[in-house]
Amino acid sequence: MLNHLQALCALPGVSGDEGAVRDYIIDHIMPHDFTVDALGNVIVSVKGMRDIGKTVMLSAHMDEVGFIVTHITSEGYLKFATVGGIDRRVIVGKRVLVGKNYLPGIIGMKPVHLTSAEERNRVPEVEKLYIDIGASSAEDAKKLVSFGDTAIFDAPSFMMGKSFAARAIDDRVGCAVLLELLEADRPIDLTLVFTAQEEVGLRGAQAAAYAVKPDIAFNLEGTTAADLPGVAGEKQICKLGGGVVIPFMDGGAVYDRGLYARVTALAERLDIPWQTKTVIAGGTDAAAIQRTGVGVPVLGLAVPVRNLHTGYNAANVDDMGHLLALTRAILADLEANA
């Protein structure tokens, strides 16, 4: 699974521009039947050892937060907007890659000696920042970049102890788990959905769920871990190395109580480490799936991730393995109790 995750995290996939990630996924889901819908979701129908008479949907989103070029100044600097929720404190001075040609650039701001005391005491607005690509004029820059080009943090992956560090672990880790499920026998028939545009309003999941019409759905994610110095108790939300995160509620969905009880009991019975979120915040594709049609019972399963939506995330490889193990156990349990 780590090989898939490393490859996926190396690919650009800002919301609405997920093509490189989608191409990788399509290359690895053959020869299974799949469709790509109008929003760019990849919907894969796979046979298992048994049809349980219910449509079971597993989802993970392909897209990541990033930047989009909105203007090119006369001096050749790129003005930009953020795509998805990025804390602007983490972007100044960062190296980025722009467009499909991975053009390197640096996010800059007005130098400190030209700022007022008031400016120095607050984080600059995104409108005050720029991407420097080394161009000498607008004409020079326009040979390399177009309006609407997206940009990602330039953050090659690496290991640090048991933690894998990269950008876009949210939610390439869920995508990697879905790909692993395709590489072994499955106990039941499944519909796997790799969604687009999660970070800008759960748009792909809404369209995909209307098409799939699931009877039951599980959403695989990376979720915020704040187990950091100076953060105490429940404010840590969840912890790296603590196992799979199974939330009972977040900012977008109240998860199905029956599924929550069933899956947490299954994890306990199989000694698969798990934890829950201790802060009600955030949201996932599950919120859109849950509200589709006449309603869908949903449950979220996640890997805890530090530094979410920044240039470098970190996740524990054991937690990733536990997410895969629990997902497989859920499918076996659905088959056994059909």
C-alpha atoms as a PDB file:
ATOM      1  CA  MET A   1       0.000   0.000   0.000  1.00  0.00           C
ATOM      2  CA  LEU A   2       2.858   2.380   0.775  1.00  0.00           C
ATOM      3  CA  ASN A   3       4.056   2.109  -2.824  1.00  0.00           C
ATOM      4  CA  HIS A   4       0.676   3.299  -4.078  1.00  0.00           C
ATOM      5  CA  LEU A   5       0.635   6.091  -1.508  1.00  0.00           C
ATOM      6  CA  GLN A   6       4.106   7.328  -2.443  1.00  0.00           C
ATOM      7  CA  ALA A   7       3.193   7.365  -6.132  1.00  0.00           C
ATOM      8  CA  LEU A   8      -0.144   9.102  -5.545  1.00  0.00           C
ATOM      9  CA  CYS A   9       1.335  11.777  -3.274  1.00  0.00           C
ATOM     10  CA  ALA A  10       3.866  12.647  -5.981  1.00  0.00           C
ATOM     11  CA  LEU A  11       1.081  13.562  -8.411  1.00  0.00           C
ATOM     12  CA  PRO A  12      -0.656  16.937  -8.646  1.00  0.00           C
ATOM     13  CA  GLY A  13      -4.388  16.876  -8.068  1.00  0.00           C
ATOM     14  CA  VAL A  14      -5.780  20.215  -6.933  1.00  0.00           C
ATOM     15  CA  SER A  15      -9.591  20.198  -6.823  1.00  0.00           C
ATOM     16  CA  GLY A  16     -10.991  20.288 -10.346  1.00  0.00           C
ATOM     17  CA  ASP A  17      -7.599  19.379 -11.825  1.00  0.00           C
ATOM     18  CA  GLU A  18      -7.265  15.760 -10.672  1.00  0.00           C
ATOM     19  CA  GLY A  19      -6.262  14.366 -14.071  1.00  0.00           C
ATOM     20  CA  ALA A  20      -2.844  12.974 -13.130  1.00  0.00           C
ATOM     21  CA  VAL A  21      -4.234  11.173 -10.089  1.00  0.00           C
ATOM     22  CA  ARG A  22      -7.192   9.879 -12.070  1.00  0.00           C
ATOM     23  CA  ASP A  23      -4.891   8.535 -14.801  1.00  0.00           C
ATOM     24  CA  TYR A  24      -2.819   6.637 -12.216  1.00  0.00           C
ATOM     25  CA  ILE A  25      -5.950   5.123 -10.712  1.00  0.00           C
ATOM     26  CA  ILE A  26      -7.339   4.100 -14.095  1.00  0.00           C
ATOM     27  CA  ASP A  27      -4.026   2.425 -14.950  1.00  0.00           C
ATOM     28  CA  HIS A  28      -4.331   0.345 -11.758  1.00  0.00           C
ATOM     29  CA  ILE A  29      -8.021  -0.614 -11.871  1.00  0.00           C
ATOM     30  CA  MET A  30      -7.911  -2.386 -15.222  1.00  0.00           C
ATOM     31  CA  PRO A  31      -9.547  -4.718 -16.241  1.00  0.00           C
ATOM     32  CA  HIS A  32     -12.421  -3.925 -13.865  1.00  0.00           C
ATOM     33  CA  ASP A  33     -15.459  -2.134 -15.251  1.00  0.00           C
ATOM     34  CA  PHE A  34     -15.371   1.587 -14.547  1.00  0.00           C
ATOM     35  CA  THR A  35     -16.833   4.876 -15.647  1.00  0.00           C
ATOM     36  CA  VAL A  36     -15.600   8.457 -15.383  1.00  0.00           C
ATOM     37  CA  ASP A  37     -18.493  10.862 -14.890  1.00  0.00           C
ATOM     38  CA  ALA A  38     -18.880  14.502 -15.860  1.00  0.00           C
ATOM     39  CA  LEU A  39     -17.170  15.755 -12.683  1.00  0.00           C
ATOM     40  CA  GLY A  40     -14.217  13.388 -13.057  1.00  0.00           C
ATOM     41  CA  ASN A  41     -15.190  10.804 -10.443  1.00  0.00           C
ATOM     42  CA  VAL A  42     -13.937   7.281 -11.157  1.00  0.00           C
ATOM     43  CA  ILE A  43     -16.645   4.728 -10.352  1.00  0.00           C
ATOM     44  CA  VAL A  44     -15.534   1.092 -10.317  1.00  0.00           C
ATOM     45  CA  SER A  45     -17.836  -1.911 -10.104  1.00  0.00           C
ATOM     46  CA  VAL A  46     -16.063  -5.027  -8.848  1.00  0.00           C
ATOM     47  CA  LYS A  47     -17.294  -8.538  -8.292  1.00  0.00           C
ATOM     48  CA  GLY A  48     -16.697 -10.387  -5.082  1.00  0.00           C
ATOM     49  CA  MET A  49     -17.352 -13.955  -4.009  1.00  0.00           C
ATOM     50  CA  ARG A  50     -20.975 -13.091  -3.225  1.00  0.00           C
ATOM     51  CA  ASP A  51     -23.706 -10.634  -4.138  1.00  0.00           C
ATOM     52  CA  ILE A  52     -25.376  -9.763  -0.821  1.00  0.00           C
ATOM     53  CA  GLY A  53     -28.256  -7.954  -2.484  1.00  0.00           C
ATOM     54  CA  LYS A  54     -27.109  -4.513  -1.361  1.00  0.00           C
ATOM     55  CA  THR A  55     -25.031  -1.883  -3.107  1.00  0.00           C
ATOM     56  CA  VAL A  56     -22.009  -1.275  -0.880  1.00  0.00           C
ATOM     57  CA  MET A  57     -20.047   1.859  -1.756  1.00  0.00           C
ATOM     58  CA  LEU A  58     -16.536   2.680  -0.575  1.00  0.00           C
ATOM     59  CA  SER A  59     -15.197   6.140  -1.386  1.00  0.00           C
ATOM     60  CA  ALA A  60     -12.044   8.233  -1.131  1.00  0.00           C
ATOM     61  CA  HIS A  61     -11.269  11.585  -2.709  1.00  0.00           C
ATOM     62  CA  MET A  62      -8.531  12.179  -5.256  1.00  0.00           C
ATOM     63  CA  ASP A  63      -8.196  15.944  -4.920  1.00  0.00           C
ATOM     64  CA  GLU A  64      -5.998  18.036  -2.652  1.00  0.00           C
ATOM     65  CA  VAL A  65      -5.828  21.636  -1.511  1.00  0.00           C
ATOM     66  CA  GLY A  66      -3.584  23.954  -3.502  1.00  0.00           C
ATOM     67  CA  PHE A  67      -3.458  27.183  -5.450  1.00  0.00           C
ATOM     68  CA  ILE A  68      -4.808  28.604  -8.710  1.00  0.00           C
ATOM     69  CA  VAL A  69      -3.309  31.396 -10.836  1.00  0.00           C
ATOM     70  CA  THR A  70      -5.632  34.408 -11.109  1.00  0.00           C
ATOM     71  CA  HIS A  71      -3.406  37.160 -12.532  1.00  0.00           C
ATOM     72  CA  ILE A  72       0.061  37.842 -13.915  1.00  0.00           C
ATOM     73  CA  THR A  73       1.598  41.178 -12.984  1.00  0.00           C
ATOM     74  CA  SER A  74       3.514  43.372 -15.405  1.00  0.00           C
ATOM     75  CA  GLU A  75       6.711  42.285 -13.636  1.00  0.00           C
ATOM     76  CA  GLY A  76       5.950  38.587 -14.227  1.00  0.00           C
ATOM     77  CA  TYR A  77       4.760  37.582 -10.761  1.00  0.00           C
ATOM     78  CA  LEU A  78       1.770  35.264 -10.373  1.00  0.00           C
ATOM     79  CA  LYS A  79      -1.146  36.299  -8.209  1.00  0.00           C
ATOM     80  CA  PHE A  80      -3.185  33.402  -6.920  1.00  0.00           C
ATOM     81  CA  ALA A  81      -6.072  32.184  -4.802  1.00  0.00           C
ATOM     82  CA  THR A  82      -6.160  29.157  -2.535  1.00  0.00           C
ATOM     83  CA  VAL A  83      -8.234  26.124  -3.532  1.00  0.00           C
ATOM     84  CA  GLY A  84      -9.683  24.474  -0.447  1.00  0.00           C
ATOM     85  CA  GLY A  85      -8.938  25.283   3.166  1.00  0.00           C
ATOM     86  CA  ILE A  86      -5.311  26.361   3.546  1.00  0.00           C
ATOM     87  CA  ASP A  87      -4.125  28.306   6.587  1.00  0.00           C
ATOM     88  CA  ARG A  88      -2.220  31.205   5.052  1.00  0.00           C
ATOM     89  CA  ARG A  89       0.313  31.082   7.900  1.00  0.00           C
ATOM     90  CA  VAL A  90       1.859  27.996   6.297  1.00  0.00           C
ATOM     91  CA  ILE A  91       2.391  29.231   2.738  1.00  0.00           C
ATOM     92  CA  VAL A  92       4.832  32.168   2.843  1.00  0.00           C
ATOM     93  CA  GLY A  93       8.267  31.198   1.562  1.00  0.00           C
ATOM     94  CA  LYS A  94       7.156  27.765   0.375  1.00  0.00           C
ATOM     95  CA  ARG A  95       8.326  26.249  -2.887  1.00  0.00           C
ATOM     96  CA  VAL A  96       5.529  25.299  -5.272  1.00  0.00           C
ATOM     97  CA  LEU A  97       5.127  23.591  -8.628  1.00  0.00           C
ATOM     98  CA  VAL A  98       2.887  25.366 -11.135  1.00  0.00           C
ATOM     99  CA  GLY A  99       0.932  23.827 -13.978  1.00  0.00           C
ATOM    100  CA  LYS A 100       1.283  20.538 -15.790  1.00  0.00           C
ATOM    101  CA  ASN A 101       4.959  21.189 -16.486  1.00  0.00           C
ATOM    102  CA  TYR A 102       5.765  21.392 -12.760  1.00  0.00           C
ATOM    103  CA  LEU A 103       7.236  24.879 -13.118  1.00  0.00           C
ATOM    104  CA  PRO A 104       9.073  25.704  -9.867  1.00  0.00           C
ATOM    105  CA  GLY A 105       8.244  28.854  -7.975  1.00  0.00           C
ATOM    106  CA  ILE A 106       8.378  30.439  -4.528  1.00  0.00           C
ATOM    107  CA  ILE A 107       5.532  32.098  -2.636  1.00  0.00           C
ATOM    108  CA  GLY A 108       6.783  35.507  -1.532  1.00  0.00           C
ATOM    109  CA  MET A 109       5.620  38.667   0.198  1.00  0.00           C
ATOM    110  CA  LYS A 110       6.712  42.244   0.790  1.00  0.00           C
ATOM    111  CA  PRO A 111      10.085  42.275   2.630  1.00  0.00           C
ATOM    112  CA  VAL A 112      10.038  42.944   6.352  1.00  0.00           C
ATOM    113  CA  HIS A 113      11.900  46.268   6.189  1.00  0.00           C
ATOM    114  CA  LEU A 114       9.119  47.713   4.011  1.00  0.00           C
ATOM    115  CA  THR A 115       6.282  46.657   6.321  1.00  0.00           C
ATOM    116  CA  SER A 116       4.644  48.687   9.066  1.00  0.00           C
ATOM    117  CA  ALA A 117       4.598  47.556  12.690  1.00  0.00           C
ATOM    118  CA  GLU A 118       0.943  46.633  12.262  1.00  0.00           C
ATOM    119  CA  GLU A 119       1.697  44.535   9.169  1.00  0.00           C
ATOM    120  CA  ARG A 120       4.467  42.688  10.971  1.00  0.00           C
ATOM    121  CA  ASN A 121       2.028  41.601  13.672  1.00  0.00           C
ATOM    122  CA  ARG A 122      -0.446  39.892  11.386  1.00  0.00           C
ATOM    123  CA  VAL A 123      -0.377  37.188   8.743  1.00  0.00           C
ATOM    124  CA  PRO A 124      -0.603  38.750   5.264  1.00  0.00           C
ATOM    125  CA  GLU A 125      -3.731  38.199   3.223  1.00  0.00           C
ATOM    126  CA  VAL A 126      -3.374  35.899   0.225  1.00  0.00           C
ATOM    127  CA  GLU A 127      -4.027  38.908  -2.013  1.00  0.00           C
ATOM    128  CA  LYS A 128      -0.726  40.395  -0.759  1.00  0.00           C
ATOM    129  CA  LEU A 129       1.310  37.345  -1.745  1.00  0.00           C
ATOM    130  CA  TYR A 130       2.711  36.263  -5.103  1.00  0.00           C
ATOM    131  CA  ILE A 131       4.468  33.352  -6.768  1.00  0.00           C
ATOM    132  CA  ASP A 132       7.893  34.171  -8.170  1.00  0.00           C
ATOM    133  CA  ILE A 133       8.757  31.909 -11.131  1.00  0.00           C
ATOM    134  CA  GLY A 134      11.820  33.876 -12.192  1.00  0.00           C
ATOM    135  CA  ALA A 135      10.050  35.641 -15.046  1.00  0.00           C
ATOM    136  CA  SER A 136      11.176  39.161 -15.982  1.00  0.00           C
ATOM    137  CA  SER A 137       7.870  40.393 -17.420  1.00  0.00           C
ATOM    138  CA  ALA A 138       4.238  39.444 -17.969  1.00  0.00           C
ATOM    139  CA  GLU A 139       5.100  38.393 -21.515  1.00  0.00           C
ATOM    140  CA  ASP A 140       7.862  36.148 -20.211  1.00  0.00           C
ATOM    141  CA  ALA A 141       5.555  34.574 -17.608  1.00  0.00           C
ATOM    142  CA  LYS A 142       2.708  34.030 -20.058  1.00  0.00           C
ATOM    143  CA  LYS A 143       4.935  31.809 -22.153  1.00  0.00           C
ATOM    144  CA  LEU A 144       5.023  29.418 -19.200  1.00  0.00           C
ATOM    145  CA  VAL A 145       1.798  29.912 -17.233  1.00  0.00           C
ATOM    146  CA  SER A 146      -1.880  30.540 -18.028  1.00  0.00           C
ATOM    147  CA  PHE A 147      -4.729  31.864 -15.938  1.00  0.00           C
ATOM    148  CA  GLY A 148      -6.419  28.952 -14.167  1.00  0.00           C
ATOM    149  CA  ASP A 149      -3.245  26.866 -13.889  1.00  0.00           C
ATOM    150  CA  THR A 150      -3.072  25.139 -10.523  1.00  0.00           C
ATOM    151  CA  ALA A 151      -0.093  24.850  -8.200  1.00  0.00           C
ATOM    152  CA  ILE A 152       0.864  22.426  -5.455  1.00  0.00           C
ATOM    153  CA  PHE A 153       3.341  22.465  -2.605  1.00  0.00           C
ATOM    154  CA  ASP A 154       6.658  20.992  -3.743  1.00  0.00           C
ATOM    155  CA  ALA A 155       7.098  18.321  -1.070  1.00  0.00           C
ATOM    156  CA  PRO A 156       8.804  15.048  -2.011  1.00  0.00           C
ATOM    157  CA  SER A 157       7.846  12.235   0.355  1.00  0.00           C
ATOM    158  CA  PHE A 158      10.148  10.700   2.948  1.00  0.00           C
ATOM    159  CA  MET A 159      10.029   8.442   6.000  1.00  0.00           C
ATOM    160  CA  MET A 160      10.725   9.647   9.542  1.00  0.00           C
ATOM    161  CA  GLY A 161      10.571   6.739  11.943  1.00  0.00           C
ATOM    162  CA  LYS A 162       7.190   5.086  11.502  1.00  0.00           C
ATOM    163  CA  SER A 163       5.729   8.211   9.928  1.00  0.00           C
ATOM    164  CA  PHE A 164       5.321   8.777   6.207  1.00  0.00           C
ATOM    165  CA  ALA A 165       5.618  12.462   5.302  1.00  0.00           C
ATOM    166  CA  ALA A 166       4.290  14.034   2.095  1.00  0.00           C
ATOM    167  CA  ARG A 167       1.662  16.446   0.847  1.00  0.00           C
ATOM    168  CA  ALA A 168      -1.818  15.206  -0.036  1.00  0.00           C
ATOM    169  CA  ILE A 169      -1.945  12.222   2.334  1.00  0.00           C
ATOM    170  CA  ASP A 170      -5.465  13.640   2.673  1.00  0.00           C
ATOM    171  CA  ASP A 171      -6.825  11.699   0.883  1.00  0.00           C
ATOM    172  CA  ARG A 172      -4.400   9.732  -1.233  1.00  0.00           C
ATOM    173  CA  VAL A 173      -4.231   7.297   1.698  1.00  0.00           C
ATOM    174  CA  GLY A 174      -7.901   6.431   1.164  1.00  0.00           C
ATOM    175  CA  CYS A 175      -7.267   6.024  -2.559  1.00  0.00           C
ATOM    176  CA  ALA A 176      -4.337   3.701  -1.822  1.00  0.00           C
ATOM    177  CA  VAL A 177      -6.540   1.505   0.387  1.00  0.00           C
ATOM    178  CA  LEU A 178      -9.180   1.231  -2.340  1.00  0.00           C
ATOM    179  CA  LEU A 179      -6.508   0.204  -4.845  1.00  0.00           C
ATOM    180  CA  GLU A 180      -5.282  -2.474  -2.434  1.00  0.00           C
ATOM    181  CA  LEU A 181      -8.800  -3.896  -2.223  1.00  0.00           C
ATOM    182  CA  LEU A 182      -8.717  -4.427  -5.981  1.00  0.00           C
ATOM    183  CA  GLU A 183      -5.562  -6.527  -5.767  1.00  0.00           C
ATOM    184  CA  ALA A 184      -7.047  -9.391  -3.725  1.00  0.00           C
ATOM    185  CA  ASP A 185     -10.247 -11.439  -3.629  1.00  0.00           C
ATOM    186  CA  ARG A 186     -13.199  -9.633  -2.088  1.00  0.00           C
ATOM    187  CA  PRO A 187     -15.965 -11.347  -0.121  1.00  0.00           C
ATOM    188  CA  ILE A 188     -18.760  -9.246  -1.667  1.00  0.00           C
ATOM    189  CA  ASP A 189     -19.572  -7.178  -4.732  1.00  0.00           C
ATOM    190  CA  LEU A 190     -18.504  -3.557  -4.300  1.00  0.00           C
ATOM    191  CA  THR A 191     -18.670  -0.152  -5.878  1.00  0.00           C
ATOM    192  CA  LEU A 192     -15.484   1.838  -5.323  1.00  0.00           C
ATOM    193  CA  VAL A 193     -15.616   5.565  -5.967  1.00  0.00           C
ATOM    194  CA  PHE A 194     -12.582   7.834  -6.306  1.00  0.00           C
ATOM    195  CA  THR A 195     -14.175  11.266  -5.964  1.00  0.00           C
ATOM    196  CA  ALA A 196     -13.267  14.695  -7.317  1.00  0.00           C
ATOM    197  CA  GLN A 197     -13.594  18.156  -5.755  1.00  0.00           C
ATOM    198  CA  GLU A 198     -14.043  17.106  -2.124  1.00  0.00           C
ATOM    199  CA  GLU A 199     -11.949  19.984  -0.827  1.00  0.00           C
ATOM    200  CA  VAL A 200     -14.229  22.615  -2.384  1.00  0.00           C
ATOM    201  CA  GLY A 201     -17.601  21.360  -1.211  1.00  0.00           C
ATOM    202  CA  LEU A 202     -17.942  17.566  -1.554  1.00  0.00           C
ATOM    203  CA  ARG A 203     -19.085  18.072  -5.139  1.00  0.00           C
ATOM    204  CA  GLY A 204     -17.906  14.851  -6.713  1.00  0.00           C
ATOM    205  CA  ALA A 205     -19.314  12.645  -3.974  1.00  0.00           C
ATOM    206  CA  GLN A 206     -22.746  14.170  -4.326  1.00  0.00           C
ATOM    207  CA  ALA A 207     -22.894  13.392  -8.042  1.00  0.00           C
ATOM    208  CA  ALA A 208     -21.385   9.921  -7.634  1.00  0.00           C
ATOM    209  CA  ALA A 209     -23.754   8.894  -4.862  1.00  0.00           C
ATOM    210  CA  TYR A 210     -26.754   9.896  -6.965  1.00  0.00           C
ATOM    211  CA  ALA A 211     -25.453   7.620  -9.724  1.00  0.00           C
ATOM    212  CA  VAL A 212     -24.496   4.673  -7.507  1.00  0.00           C
ATOM    213  CA  LYS A 213     -27.533   4.821  -5.161  1.00  0.00           C
ATOM    214  CA  PRO A 214     -25.760   2.918  -2.368  1.00  0.00           C
ATOM    215  CA  ASP A 215     -27.617   1.024   0.336  1.00  0.00           C
ATOM    216  CA  ILE A 216     -24.643   1.467   2.655  1.00  0.00           C
ATOM    217  CA  ALA A 217     -21.470   3.538   2.334  1.00  0.00           C
ATOM    218  CA  PHE A 218     -18.067   3.810   3.955  1.00  0.00           C
ATOM    219  CA  ASN A 219     -15.845   6.841   3.385  1.00  0.00           C
ATOM    220  CA  LEU A 220     -12.073   6.424   3.778  1.00  0.00           C
ATOM    221  CA  GLU A 221     -10.114   9.536   4.725  1.00  0.00           C
ATOM    222  CA  GLY A 222      -7.192  11.214   6.387  1.00  0.00           C
ATOM    223  CA  THR A 223      -8.272  13.259   9.399  1.00  0.00           C
ATOM    224  CA  THR A 224      -6.701  15.956  11.561  1.00  0.00           C
ATOM    225  CA  ALA A 225      -4.418  14.843  14.393  1.00  0.00           C
ATOM    226  CA  ALA A 226      -3.323  17.563  16.788  1.00  0.00           C
ATOM    227  CA  ASP A 227      -1.146  15.435  19.090  1.00  0.00           C
ATOM    228  CA  LEU A 228       1.417  18.208  19.283  1.00  0.00           C
ATOM    229  CA  PRO A 229       3.318  20.077  21.992  1.00  0.00           C
ATOM    230  CA  GLY A 230       1.056  22.476  23.842  1.00  0.00           C
ATOM    231  CA  VAL A 231      -2.157  20.706  22.849  1.00  0.00           C
ATOM    232  CA  ALA A 232      -3.713  18.809  25.719  1.00  0.00           C
ATOM    233  CA  GLY A 233      -6.478  16.292  26.255  1.00  0.00           C
ATOM    234  CA  GLU A 234      -9.429  16.137  23.920  1.00  0.00           C
ATOM    235  CA  LYS A 235      -8.108  19.068  21.860  1.00  0.00           C
ATOM    236  CA  GLN A 236      -5.638  16.632  20.281  1.00  0.00           C
ATOM    237  CA  ILE A 237      -8.634  15.146  18.381  1.00  0.00           C
ATOM    238  CA  CYS A 238      -6.786  11.890  17.634  1.00  0.00           C
ATOM    239  CA  LYS A 239      -3.224  10.567  17.731  1.00  0.00           C
ATOM    240  CA  LEU A 240      -0.735   9.069  15.310  1.00  0.00           C
ATOM    241  CA  GLY A 241      -0.170   5.436  16.211  1.00  0.00           C
ATOM    242  CA  GLY A 242      -3.538   5.229  17.961  1.00  0.00           C
ATOM    243  CA  GLY A 243      -5.185   3.198  15.230  1.00  0.00           C
ATOM    244  CA  VAL A 244      -8.061   3.774  12.827  1.00  0.00           C
ATOM    245  CA  VAL A 245     -10.206   6.827  13.546  1.00  0.00           C
ATOM    246  CA  ILE A 246     -13.922   5.959  13.609  1.00  0.00           C
ATOM    247  CA  PRO A 247     -15.890   9.170  14.224  1.00  0.00           C
ATOM    248  CA  PHE A 248     -19.418   9.198  15.589  1.00  0.00           C
ATOM    249  CA  MET A 249     -19.977  12.746  14.302  1.00  0.00           C
ATOM    250  CA  ASP A 250     -18.150  15.577  12.586  1.00  0.00           C
ATOM    251  CA  GLY A 251     -19.055  18.986  11.228  1.00  0.00           C
ATOM    252  CA  GLY A 252     -20.845  17.502   8.230  1.00  0.00           C
ATOM    253  CA  ALA A 253     -22.426  14.229   9.296  1.00  0.00           C
ATOM    254  CA  VAL A 254     -23.820  12.323  12.223  1.00  0.00           C
ATOM    255  CA  TYR A 255     -22.657   8.821  11.395  1.00  0.00           C
ATOM    256  CA  ASP A 256     -25.021   5.890  11.481  1.00  0.00           C
ATOM    257  CA  ARG A 257     -25.198   4.680  15.077  1.00  0.00           C
ATOM    258  CA  GLY A 258     -25.770   1.070  14.117  1.00  0.00           C
ATOM    259  CA  LEU A 259     -22.739   1.035  11.825  1.00  0.00           C
ATOM    260  CA  TYR A 260     -20.624   2.794  14.445  1.00  0.00           C
ATOM    261  CA  ALA A 261     -21.506   0.210  17.096  1.00  0.00           C
ATOM    262  CA  ARG A 262     -21.043  -2.706  14.696  1.00  0.00           C
ATOM    263  CA  VAL A 263     -17.664  -1.601  13.343  1.00  0.00           C
ATOM    264  CA  THR A 264     -16.168  -0.565  16.689  1.00  0.00           C
ATOM    265  CA  ALA A 265     -17.227  -3.921  18.146  1.00  0.00           C
ATOM    266  CA  LEU A 266     -15.652  -5.660  15.147  1.00  0.00           C
ATOM    267  CA  ALA A 267     -12.388  -3.785  15.677  1.00  0.00           C
ATOM    268  CA  GLU A 268     -12.388  -4.761  19.357  1.00  0.00           C
ATOM    269  CA  ARG A 269     -13.078  -8.407  18.547  1.00  0.00           C
ATOM    270  CA  LEU A 270     -10.248  -8.562  16.013  1.00  0.00           C
ATOM    271  CA  ASP A 271      -7.801  -6.503  18.108  1.00  0.00           C
ATOM    272  CA  ILE A 272      -7.529  -3.834  15.423  1.00  0.00           C
ATOM    273  CA  PRO A 273      -6.501  -0.593  17.189  1.00  0.00           C
ATOM    274  CA  TRP A 274      -9.055   2.188  16.837  1.00  0.00           C
ATOM    275  CA  GLN A 275      -9.883   5.582  18.298  1.00  0.00           C
ATOM    276  CA  THR A 276     -12.516   8.228  17.798  1.00  0.00           C
ATOM    277  CA  LYS A 277     -12.374  11.987  17.248  1.00  0.00           C
ATOM    278  CA  THR A 278     -12.724  14.045  20.400  1.00  0.00           C
ATOM    279  CA  VAL A 279     -13.662  17.290  18.651  1.00  0.00           C
ATOM    280  CA  ILE A 280     -16.752  17.749  16.480  1.00  0.00           C
ATOM    281  CA  ALA A 281     -15.279  19.542  13.475  1.00  0.00           C
ATOM    282  CA  GLY A 282     -14.413  19.153   9.820  1.00  0.00           C
ATOM    283  CA  GLY A 283     -16.375  17.252   7.224  1.00  0.00           C
ATOM    284  CA  THR A 284     -15.958  14.602   4.549  1.00  0.00           C
ATOM    285  CA  ASP A 285     -17.646  13.202   1.461  1.00  0.00           C
ATOM    286  CA  ALA A 286     -19.806  11.181   3.857  1.00  0.00           C
ATOM    287  CA  ALA A 287     -21.919  14.304   4.445  1.00  0.00           C
ATOM    288  CA  ALA A 288     -22.883  14.478   0.769  1.00  0.00           C
ATOM    289  CA  ILE A 289     -23.365  10.727   0.419  1.00  0.00           C
ATOM    290  CA  GLN A 290     -25.566  10.560   3.521  1.00  0.00           C
ATOM    291  CA  ARG A 291     -28.018  13.101   2.116  1.00  0.00           C
ATOM    292  CA  THR A 292     -28.382  11.511  -1.304  1.00  0.00           C
ATOM    293  CA  GLY A 293     -31.799  10.338  -2.484  1.00  0.00           C
ATOM    294  CA  VAL A 294     -33.827   9.010   0.435  1.00  0.00           C
ATOM    295  CA  GLY A 295     -30.722   8.964   2.629  1.00  0.00           C
ATOM    296  CA  VAL A 296     -27.806   6.557   3.022  1.00  0.00           C
ATOM    297  CA  PRO A 297     -26.375   5.041   6.220  1.00  0.00           C
ATOM    298  CA  VAL A 298     -22.704   6.032   6.242  1.00  0.00           C
ATOM    299  CA  LEU A 299     -19.632   5.538   8.375  1.00  0.00           C
ATOM    300  CA  GLY A 300     -16.254   7.238   8.189  1.00  0.00           C
ATOM    301  CA  LEU A 301     -12.933   5.447   8.614  1.00  0.00           C
ATOM    302  CA  ALA A 302      -9.744   7.490   8.710  1.00  0.00           C
ATOM    303  CA  VAL A 303      -6.011   7.607   9.289  1.00  0.00           C
ATOM    304  CA  PRO A 304      -4.865  10.339  11.706  1.00  0.00           C
ATOM    305  CA  VAL A 305      -2.710  12.904   9.891  1.00  0.00           C
ATOM    306  CA  ARG A 306      -0.632  15.718  11.379  1.00  0.00           C
ATOM    307  CA  ASN A 307      -0.275  19.066   9.588  1.00  0.00           C
ATOM    308  CA  LEU A 308      -3.281  18.505   7.344  1.00  0.00           C
ATOM    309  CA  HIS A 309      -3.591  20.916   4.379  1.00  0.00           C
ATOM    310  CA  THR A 310       0.036  22.047   4.576  1.00  0.00           C
ATOM    311  CA  GLY A 311       3.135  21.352   2.512  1.00  0.00           C
ATOM    312  CA  TYR A 312       4.006  18.306   4.593  1.00  0.00           C
ATOM    313  CA  ASN A 313       1.575  15.920   6.285  1.00  0.00           C
ATOM    314  CA  ALA A 314       2.631  13.005   8.472  1.00  0.00           C
ATOM    315  CA  ALA A 315       0.847   9.700   9.056  1.00  0.00           C
ATOM    316  CA  ASN A 316       1.822   6.506  10.843  1.00  0.00           C
ATOM    317  CA  VAL A 317       2.295   3.482   8.573  1.00  0.00           C
ATOM    318  CA  ASP A 318       0.811   1.129  11.179  1.00  0.00           C
ATOM    319  CA  ASP A 319      -2.389   3.200  11.237  1.00  0.00           C
ATOM    320  CA  MET A 320      -2.572   2.831   7.451  1.00  0.00           C
ATOM    321  CA  GLY A 321      -2.255  -0.929   7.740  1.00  0.00           C
ATOM    322  CA  HIS A 322      -4.959  -1.008  10.400  1.00  0.00           C
ATOM    323  CA  LEU A 323      -7.286   0.988   8.120  1.00  0.00           C
ATOM    324  CA  LEU A 324      -6.814  -1.575   5.357  1.00  0.00           C
ATOM    325  CA  ALA A 325      -7.282  -4.487   7.785  1.00  0.00           C
ATOM    326  CA  LEU A 326     -10.466  -3.026   9.268  1.00  0.00           C
ATOM    327  CA  THR A 327     -11.920  -2.260   5.832  1.00  0.00           C
ATOM    328  CA  ARG A 328     -11.348  -5.866   4.779  1.00  0.00           C
ATOM    329  CA  ALA A 329     -12.867  -7.095   8.029  1.00  0.00           C
ATOM    330  CA  ILE A 330     -15.984  -4.972   7.463  1.00  0.00           C
ATOM    331  CA  LEU A 331     -16.497  -6.524   4.034  1.00  0.00           C
ATOM    332  CA  ALA A 332     -16.128 -10.032   5.469  1.00  0.00           C
ATOM    333  CA  ASP A 333     -18.577  -9.150   8.239  1.00  0.00           C
ATOM    334  CA  LEU A 334     -21.131  -7.874   5.714  1.00  0.00           C
ATOM    335  CA  GLU A 335     -20.842 -11.145   3.808  1.00  0.00           C
ATOM    336  CA  ALA A 336     -21.134 -13.294   6.954  1.00  0.00           C
ATOM    337  CA  ASN A 337     -24.233 -11.459   8.166  1.00  0.00           C
ATOM    338  CA  ALA A 338     -26.016 -10.977   4.838  1.00  0.00           C
END
